[in-house]
Amino acid sequence: MNLKIQKEFGPLNWIDVTAWTDDYKGSISFTDDGESADEFFSKMRNIKDFIKEFGYSATLTKYEADKLCPYHEARIDINFTGGELDV
């Protein structure tokens, strides 16, 4: 799935890919690539919706840039069984 996401939406700044095999949940995190907050978070919503097309559940958490962190960041939590997400 990561390769499909990269092909569809790249270039992307991946910062973390985490998978928990015991409960079939995981997350992927990105930082912006110099685009505006609106462009970046719109792309992240599109990636979340793309993941859902595979039958998985997905939620998006946004972290906007501030004084301590000069870039936008997003985490997409995924349940690979399609069930509920406890985030």
N, C-alpha and C. Protein backbone atom coordinates (compact mmCIF):
# COMPACT_ATOMS: atom_id res chain seq x y z
N MET A 1 0.81 -1.18 0.00
CA MET A 1 0.00 0.00 0.00
C MET A 1 0.87 1.26 0.00
N ASN A 2 1.99 1.24 0.70
CA ASN A 2 2.86 2.42 0.75
C ASN A 2 3.32 2.82 -0.64
N LEU A 3 3.66 1.85 -1.46
CA LEU A 3 4.10 2.16 -2.83
C LEU A 3 2.96 2.76 -3.65
N LYS A 4 1.75 2.26 -3.46
CA LYS A 4 0.59 2.80 -4.17
C LYS A 4 0.33 4.24 -3.75
N ILE A 5 0.46 4.52 -2.45
CA ILE A 5 0.28 5.88 -1.96
C ILE A 5 1.34 6.80 -2.56
N GLN A 6 2.58 6.37 -2.55
CA GLN A 6 3.68 7.19 -3.09
C GLN A 6 3.47 7.46 -4.57
N LYS A 7 3.05 6.45 -5.32
CA LYS A 7 2.83 6.60 -6.76
C LYS A 7 1.68 7.56 -7.04
N GLU A 8 0.62 7.46 -6.26
CA GLU A 8 -0.58 8.27 -6.48
C GLU A 8 -0.41 9.72 -6.01
N PHE A 9 0.30 9.94 -4.90
CA PHE A 9 0.32 11.25 -4.26
C PHE A 9 1.70 11.88 -4.12
N GLY A 10 2.76 11.17 -4.54
CA GLY A 10 4.11 11.67 -4.35
C GLY A 10 4.39 12.95 -5.10
N PRO A 11 5.43 13.67 -4.74
CA PRO A 11 6.40 13.32 -3.71
C PRO A 11 5.83 13.57 -2.31
N LEU A 12 6.22 12.72 -1.37
CA LEU A 12 5.77 12.80 0.01
C LEU A 12 6.96 12.74 0.95
N ASN A 13 6.86 13.45 2.06
CA ASN A 13 7.88 13.37 3.11
C ASN A 13 7.38 12.42 4.19
N TRP A 14 7.72 11.14 4.05
CA TRP A 14 7.33 10.13 5.03
C TRP A 14 8.21 10.30 6.25
N ILE A 15 7.63 10.32 7.44
CA ILE A 15 8.47 10.41 8.64
C ILE A 15 8.33 9.19 9.53
N ASP A 16 7.25 8.40 9.35
CA ASP A 16 7.09 7.21 10.18
C ASP A 16 6.06 6.28 9.56
N VAL A 17 6.35 5.00 9.62
CA VAL A 17 5.40 3.95 9.25
C VAL A 17 5.43 2.94 10.39
N THR A 18 4.29 2.76 11.03
CA THR A 18 4.21 1.85 12.17
C THR A 18 3.10 0.86 11.93
N ALA A 19 3.36 -0.41 12.15
CA ALA A 19 2.33 -1.44 12.04
C ALA A 19 2.36 -2.31 13.29
N TRP A 20 1.22 -2.54 13.86
CA TRP A 20 1.10 -3.42 15.02
C TRP A 20 0.39 -4.67 14.56
N THR A 21 1.08 -5.78 14.47
CA THR A 21 0.51 -7.00 13.92
C THR A 21 -0.48 -7.68 14.85
N ASP A 22 -0.39 -7.47 16.16
CA ASP A 22 -1.30 -8.13 17.09
C ASP A 22 -2.74 -7.70 16.90
N ASP A 23 -2.98 -6.42 16.63
CA ASP A 23 -4.34 -5.95 16.48
C ASP A 23 -4.63 -5.40 15.08
N TYR A 24 -3.71 -5.59 14.15
CA TYR A 24 -3.88 -5.19 12.75
C TYR A 24 -4.14 -3.70 12.58
N LYS A 25 -3.49 -2.90 13.41
CA LYS A 25 -3.60 -1.45 13.29
C LYS A 25 -2.22 -0.87 13.05
N GLY A 26 -2.17 0.30 12.47
CA GLY A 26 -0.90 0.96 12.22
C GLY A 26 -1.11 2.42 11.92
N SER A 27 -0.02 3.09 11.61
CA SER A 27 -0.12 4.51 11.26
C SER A 27 0.99 4.88 10.29
N ILE A 28 0.74 5.95 9.56
CA ILE A 28 1.75 6.55 8.70
C ILE A 28 1.74 8.04 8.99
N SER A 29 2.92 8.65 8.97
CA SER A 29 3.03 10.07 9.27
C SER A 29 3.83 10.77 8.19
N PHE A 30 3.45 12.01 7.93
CA PHE A 30 4.08 12.82 6.89
C PHE A 30 4.32 14.23 7.40
N THR A 31 5.29 14.92 6.80
CA THR A 31 5.44 16.36 6.98
C THR A 31 5.22 17.01 5.63
N ASP A 32 4.96 18.32 5.65
CA ASP A 32 4.70 19.01 4.38
C ASP A 32 5.96 19.05 3.53
N ASP A 33 5.74 19.31 2.26
CA ASP A 33 6.84 19.39 1.29
C ASP A 33 6.98 20.82 0.79
N GLY A 34 6.70 21.79 1.69
CA GLY A 34 6.80 23.19 1.32
C GLY A 34 5.50 23.78 0.81
N GLU A 35 4.45 22.96 0.69
CA GLU A 35 3.17 23.49 0.23
C GLU A 35 2.43 24.17 1.38
N SER A 36 1.37 24.88 1.06
CA SER A 36 0.58 25.56 2.08
C SER A 36 -0.13 24.54 2.97
N ALA A 37 -0.62 25.01 4.11
CA ALA A 37 -1.36 24.12 5.02
C ALA A 37 -2.58 23.54 4.32
N ASP A 38 -3.31 24.38 3.56
CA ASP A 38 -4.50 23.89 2.87
C ASP A 38 -4.16 22.79 1.87
N GLU A 39 -3.11 23.00 1.10
CA GLU A 39 -2.70 21.99 0.11
C GLU A 39 -2.25 20.70 0.80
N PHE A 40 -1.44 20.84 1.83
CA PHE A 40 -0.91 19.67 2.53
C PHE A 40 -2.02 18.85 3.16
N PHE A 41 -2.89 19.50 3.93
CA PHE A 41 -3.93 18.75 4.62
C PHE A 41 -4.99 18.22 3.66
N SER A 42 -5.20 18.89 2.54
CA SER A 42 -6.08 18.36 1.51
C SER A 42 -5.50 17.06 0.93
N LYS A 43 -4.19 17.07 0.68
CA LYS A 43 -3.51 15.86 0.18
C LYS A 43 -3.63 14.73 1.21
N MET A 44 -3.49 15.06 2.48
CA MET A 44 -3.58 14.04 3.54
C MET A 44 -5.00 13.47 3.63
N ARG A 45 -6.04 14.31 3.46
CA ARG A 45 -7.42 13.80 3.44
C ARG A 45 -7.62 12.87 2.25
N ASN A 46 -7.02 13.22 1.10
CA ASN A 46 -7.13 12.37 -0.08
C ASN A 46 -6.43 11.03 0.15
N ILE A 47 -5.29 11.04 0.82
CA ILE A 47 -4.60 9.78 1.14
C ILE A 47 -5.44 8.94 2.08
N LYS A 48 -6.04 9.57 3.10
CA LYS A 48 -6.91 8.85 4.04
C LYS A 48 -8.07 8.19 3.28
N ASP A 49 -8.70 8.93 2.37
CA ASP A 49 -9.80 8.38 1.59
C ASP A 49 -9.32 7.27 0.66
N PHE A 50 -8.13 7.41 0.11
CA PHE A 50 -7.53 6.38 -0.75
C PHE A 50 -7.34 5.08 0.04
N ILE A 51 -6.87 5.19 1.27
CA ILE A 51 -6.68 4.02 2.13
C ILE A 51 -8.02 3.32 2.38
N LYS A 52 -9.07 4.11 2.58
CA LYS A 52 -10.39 3.55 2.83
C LYS A 52 -10.91 2.76 1.64
N GLU A 53 -10.45 3.11 0.43
CA GLU A 53 -10.86 2.38 -0.78
C GLU A 53 -10.40 0.92 -0.74
N PHE A 54 -9.41 0.61 0.08
CA PHE A 54 -8.93 -0.77 0.22
C PHE A 54 -9.74 -1.55 1.25
N GLY A 55 -10.75 -0.91 1.85
CA GLY A 55 -11.58 -1.56 2.85
C GLY A 55 -11.08 -1.40 4.27
N TYR A 56 -10.07 -0.55 4.46
CA TYR A 56 -9.52 -0.30 5.79
C TYR A 56 -10.23 0.91 6.41
N SER A 57 -10.20 0.99 7.74
CA SER A 57 -10.64 2.20 8.44
C SER A 57 -9.43 3.12 8.57
N ALA A 58 -9.66 4.43 8.50
CA ALA A 58 -8.56 5.37 8.61
C ALA A 58 -9.06 6.69 9.20
N THR A 59 -8.23 7.27 10.06
CA THR A 59 -8.51 8.59 10.60
C THR A 59 -7.29 9.47 10.40
N LEU A 60 -7.52 10.77 10.32
CA LEU A 60 -6.46 11.74 10.09
C LEU A 60 -6.33 12.65 11.30
N THR A 61 -5.11 12.81 11.79
CA THR A 61 -4.82 13.77 12.84
C THR A 61 -3.86 14.81 12.26
N LYS A 62 -4.23 16.09 12.37
CA LYS A 62 -3.43 17.18 11.80
C LYS A 62 -2.68 17.91 12.91
N TYR A 63 -1.45 18.27 12.59
CA TYR A 63 -0.62 19.08 13.47
C TYR A 63 -0.13 20.27 12.65
N GLU A 64 -0.65 21.45 12.96
CA GLU A 64 -0.27 22.63 12.20
C GLU A 64 1.07 23.18 12.68
N ALA A 65 1.79 23.83 11.79
CA ALA A 65 3.08 24.43 12.12
C ALA A 65 2.89 25.49 13.19
N ASP A 66 3.90 25.63 14.05
CA ASP A 66 3.88 26.67 15.07
C ASP A 66 5.32 27.11 15.35
N LYS A 67 5.52 27.84 16.42
CA LYS A 67 6.86 28.35 16.74
C LYS A 67 7.86 27.23 17.02
N LEU A 68 7.39 26.16 17.66
CA LEU A 68 8.28 25.05 18.01
C LEU A 68 8.52 24.08 16.85
N CYS A 69 7.56 24.00 15.95
CA CYS A 69 7.66 23.07 14.82
C CYS A 69 7.29 23.84 13.55
N PRO A 70 8.25 24.19 12.71
CA PRO A 70 7.99 25.08 11.57
C PRO A 70 7.34 24.41 10.36
N TYR A 71 6.89 23.18 10.47
CA TYR A 71 6.26 22.50 9.34
C TYR A 71 4.99 21.81 9.83
N HIS A 72 4.11 21.54 8.87
CA HIS A 72 2.86 20.84 9.17
C HIS A 72 3.15 19.34 9.21
N GLU A 73 2.40 18.65 10.01
CA GLU A 73 2.57 17.20 10.14
C GLU A 73 1.19 16.55 10.19
N ALA A 74 1.10 15.34 9.67
CA ALA A 74 -0.16 14.60 9.70
C ALA A 74 0.12 13.14 10.00
N ARG A 75 -0.78 12.54 10.79
CA ARG A 75 -0.71 11.11 11.07
C ARG A 75 -2.02 10.48 10.64
N ILE A 76 -1.92 9.39 9.89
CA ILE A 76 -3.10 8.64 9.49
C ILE A 76 -3.04 7.30 10.20
N ASP A 77 -4.03 7.07 11.08
CA ASP A 77 -4.14 5.80 11.78
C ASP A 77 -5.00 4.87 10.94
N ILE A 78 -4.61 3.59 10.88
CA ILE A 78 -5.27 2.63 10.00
C ILE A 78 -5.62 1.38 10.78
N ASN A 79 -6.82 0.86 10.56
CA ASN A 79 -7.21 -0.46 11.05
C ASN A 79 -7.36 -1.33 9.81
N PHE A 80 -6.47 -2.28 9.67
CA PHE A 80 -6.42 -3.11 8.46
C PHE A 80 -7.54 -4.14 8.41
N THR A 81 -8.31 -4.29 9.50
CA THR A 81 -9.45 -5.18 9.48
C THR A 81 -10.73 -4.42 9.11
N GLY A 82 -10.63 -3.11 9.03
CA GLY A 82 -11.78 -2.28 8.68
C GLY A 82 -12.63 -1.91 9.88
N GLY A 83 -12.26 -2.38 11.07
CA GLY A 83 -13.04 -2.10 12.28
C GLY A 83 -12.79 -0.72 12.83
N GLU A 84 -13.29 -0.50 14.03
CA GLU A 84 -13.17 0.79 14.69
C GLU A 84 -11.72 1.10 15.05
N LEU A 85 -11.43 2.38 15.15
CA LEU A 85 -10.11 2.86 15.59
C LEU A 85 -10.27 3.53 16.93
N ASP A 86 -9.45 3.15 17.88
CA ASP A 86 -9.45 3.79 19.20
C ASP A 86 -8.29 4.77 19.28
N VAL A 87 -8.52 5.99 18.81
CA VAL A 87 -7.48 7.02 18.85
C VAL A 87 -7.93 8.21 19.63
